Amino acid sequence: MNHQHDQVQCVDEHNTPTNVMDKLEAHRGDGKRHRAVSVFLLNSTGELLIQKRSAKKIVGALQWANTCCGNVWPGETYEQCAQRRLRKELGITRAKIMPAYTFEYHLRCNDKYSEWEMDRIFVGRYRGKLTLDPEEVLDALYISQEKLEINMRNNPEDFSPWFHLILRDPRLREAIGWRRDAKIQ
């Protein structure tokens, strides 16, 4: 494996590249700000494709999260990263995605690791086959807004911390066409 694949692109508060860092180091403790993507794919009825993350993940292990996400490699664009993660995690090679917005978040995920990401949100539609990479994903399913809100309210620990954060953002709801009055905690 190319060493670049174990690295992230660190950035300042203006999303200007500052340095390259080992992926684990960038997440250790309080973490270091770096570029990432979060993809949200919906089917033709407006259900969101979510995934249950592998036990091997350092953050969000065994938790449900958005369609896919990942860290941008040095020299890679946000869109290249989003397409790479769709292919790697779910075997999706033909999804048309559009950037919705970029925002920064900083969350403690467990006793060892944090996320501090300059995250570009991508949205799109997908109807097709999934080929899950078991190193990355345990399960995937399409879920309605109503069912997701109920599950997240009743079992918040089953969902990754960033998924809670992003789903509360009205910009995401507008981008994917979901109601803004959600009850997600």
Foldseek 3Di string as FASTA:
>chain_A
DPQLVQKFFAADPVRHTDDIDGNLQQWWDQGGETAKEAEWAAEPVLFTKKFQWDCLDPFNHRAIAHNWMDGAGVPGDRVRRVQVGCCQAWVDNDWDKDWQDWDWDTADRDPTTIDTYRYTYIYTYDDDHTDGDNNTTDDIDTGHLVVVLVCCVVPVVRHGPVRLVVVQDVSVCVVSVHDNPGPHD
